[in-house]
Amino acid sequence: MASDWDKVLAGGALDSQSEEIANDRIRGQALLARLNGSPAGDAPLRQQICHELFGHCPDSCWISTPFTCEFGRNIHIGEKTFFNFNVTILDVGEVHIGSHVLLAPNVQIYTATHTMNYLERRNWTAYNKPVRIG
């Protein structure tokens, strides 16, 4: 049986009532708070948090804080990639960022999308459009 995430990542609607998704959001936000509160000079701690937060994040990456995301689990980062301050990623869908990528301050990457029909928008149904950066 497919998980709620399998359905979302296959293009289905995000079920805001899903216990699985709600728990992943809570987990991601707790790890994000730890990352943003960690000392910039404590690379081992920050790497350990990033390994837990992201779908993939090698030790050669640097994530400047503050950093913001929704889940973290759907973000996959390549080697020697750098996020400058205030990067925001809404990862309802998968975000794949390649190796040797430098993200400037205040970069925003959004995978979440909603219908353009104003009546349907009242349901707050969210979908995703994955993002790939080479």
Protein backbone atom coordinates (compact mmCIF):
# COMPACT_ATOMS: atom_id res chain seq x y z
CA MET A 1 0.00 0.00 0.00
CA ALA A 2 1.33 3.45 -0.93
CA SER A 3 2.16 5.87 1.85
CA ASP A 4 0.65 9.36 1.92
CA TRP A 5 4.02 10.70 0.77
CA ASP A 6 4.11 8.26 -2.15
CA LYS A 7 0.77 9.67 -3.29
CA VAL A 8 1.87 13.31 -2.93
CA LEU A 9 5.21 12.81 -4.68
CA ALA A 10 3.41 11.00 -7.53
CA GLY A 11 1.40 14.19 -8.14
CA GLY A 12 -1.56 13.69 -5.83
CA ALA A 13 -2.97 16.25 -3.42
CA LEU A 14 -1.32 16.87 -0.07
CA ASP A 15 -3.63 15.48 2.62
CA SER A 16 -3.40 18.03 5.42
CA GLN A 17 -5.17 15.54 7.71
CA SER A 18 -2.52 12.85 7.18
CA GLU A 19 -0.90 11.76 10.42
CA GLU A 20 2.24 10.71 8.51
CA ILE A 21 2.64 14.13 6.89
CA ALA A 22 1.76 16.02 10.09
CA ASN A 23 4.38 14.03 12.02
CA ASP A 24 7.00 14.71 9.33
CA ARG A 25 6.24 18.44 9.50
CA ILE A 26 6.63 18.42 13.31
CA ARG A 27 9.86 16.40 13.05
CA GLY A 28 11.23 18.71 10.35
CA GLN A 29 10.40 21.84 12.31
CA ALA A 30 12.06 20.47 15.47
CA LEU A 31 15.25 19.65 13.54
CA LEU A 32 15.12 23.04 11.84
CA ALA A 33 14.93 24.79 15.22
CA ARG A 34 17.96 22.79 16.38
CA LEU A 35 19.91 23.68 13.22
CA ASN A 36 19.05 27.37 13.44
CA GLY A 37 19.97 27.40 17.13
CA SER A 38 23.28 25.57 16.71
CA PRO A 39 26.61 27.43 16.90
CA ALA A 40 28.03 28.22 13.43
CA GLY A 41 31.40 26.84 14.56
CA ASP A 42 30.08 23.42 15.58
CA ALA A 43 30.35 21.73 12.18
CA PRO A 44 29.93 18.14 13.50
CA LEU A 45 26.66 19.02 15.26
CA ARG A 46 25.33 20.92 12.24
CA GLN A 47 26.25 18.05 9.90
CA GLN A 48 24.50 15.54 12.16
CA ILE A 49 21.33 17.68 12.21
CA CYS A 50 21.46 18.13 8.42
CA HIS A 51 21.79 14.36 7.94
CA GLU A 52 18.59 13.93 9.96
CA LEU A 53 16.71 16.87 8.43
CA PHE A 54 17.37 16.44 4.72
CA GLY A 55 16.71 13.55 2.35
CA HIS A 56 20.40 13.82 1.42
CA CYS A 57 23.08 16.28 2.57
CA PRO A 58 26.79 15.39 2.34
CA ASP A 59 29.27 16.62 4.93
CA SER A 60 30.83 18.88 2.27
CA CYS A 61 27.73 21.16 2.24
CA TRP A 62 27.25 24.30 4.30
CA ILE A 63 23.80 25.53 5.30
CA SER A 64 23.96 29.07 6.68
CA THR A 65 21.35 29.97 9.23
CA PRO A 66 18.71 31.13 9.48
CA PHE A 67 17.36 28.55 7.04
CA THR A 68 13.68 27.68 6.57
CA CYS A 69 11.93 24.65 5.12
CA GLU A 70 8.67 22.84 5.74
CA PHE A 71 9.66 19.17 6.01
CA GLY A 72 13.32 18.82 5.03
CA ARG A 73 12.86 15.17 4.04
CA ASN A 74 12.20 16.06 0.41
CA ILE A 75 15.39 18.12 -0.03
CA HIS A 76 18.37 16.37 -1.66
CA ILE A 77 21.66 18.28 -1.87
CA GLY A 78 24.80 17.46 -3.85
CA GLU A 79 28.46 17.78 -2.86
CA LYS A 80 30.04 21.11 -1.88
CA THR A 81 26.80 23.08 -2.10
CA PHE A 82 26.40 26.31 -0.13
CA PHE A 83 23.19 27.94 1.15
CA ASN A 84 23.67 31.56 2.18
CA PHE A 85 21.54 33.27 4.84
CA ASN A 86 17.73 33.19 4.79
CA VAL A 87 17.23 30.49 2.16
CA THR A 88 13.63 29.21 2.20
CA ILE A 89 12.53 25.92 0.63
CA LEU A 90 8.90 24.76 0.70
CA ASP A 91 9.41 21.06 0.09
CA VAL A 92 5.94 19.61 -0.38
CA GLY A 93 7.59 18.08 -3.46
CA GLU A 94 11.14 16.94 -4.03
CA VAL A 95 13.92 19.48 -4.42
CA HIS A 96 17.17 18.19 -5.94
CA ILE A 97 20.08 20.61 -5.82
CA GLY A 98 23.22 19.45 -7.59
CA SER A 99 26.86 19.64 -6.59
CA HIS A 100 28.83 22.90 -6.39
CA VAL A 101 25.67 25.04 -6.27
CA LEU A 102 25.85 28.39 -4.47
CA LEU A 103 22.50 29.81 -3.33
CA ALA A 104 22.48 33.56 -2.65
CA PRO A 105 20.91 35.16 0.43
CA ASN A 106 17.11 35.14 0.50
CA VAL A 107 16.68 32.53 -2.26
CA GLN A 108 13.21 30.99 -2.16
CA ILE A 109 12.35 27.64 -3.74
CA TYR A 110 8.71 26.60 -3.69
CA THR A 111 7.39 23.23 -4.82
CA ALA A 112 3.91 23.84 -3.39
CA THR A 113 1.18 24.93 -5.77
CA HIS A 114 -2.58 25.34 -5.68
CA THR A 115 -5.36 25.33 -8.25
CA MET A 116 -6.02 28.62 -10.01
CA ASN A 117 -9.80 28.14 -9.67
CA TYR A 118 -10.86 30.51 -6.89
CA LEU A 119 -13.67 28.26 -5.68
CA GLU A 120 -11.43 25.20 -5.43
CA ARG A 121 -8.76 27.27 -3.62
CA ARG A 122 -11.13 27.58 -0.67
CA ASN A 123 -10.28 23.93 0.14
CA TRP A 124 -6.59 24.86 0.55
CA THR A 125 -5.63 21.77 -1.43
CA ALA A 126 -1.90 21.75 -2.20
CA TYR A 127 -0.03 19.92 -4.94
CA ASN A 128 3.64 19.90 -5.82
CA LYS A 129 5.87 20.65 -8.77
CA PRO A 130 9.33 19.18 -8.13
CA VAL A 131 12.40 21.41 -8.57
CA ARG A 132 15.78 20.35 -9.98
CA ILE A 133 18.80 22.63 -9.97
CA GLY A 134 21.93 21.33 -11.69
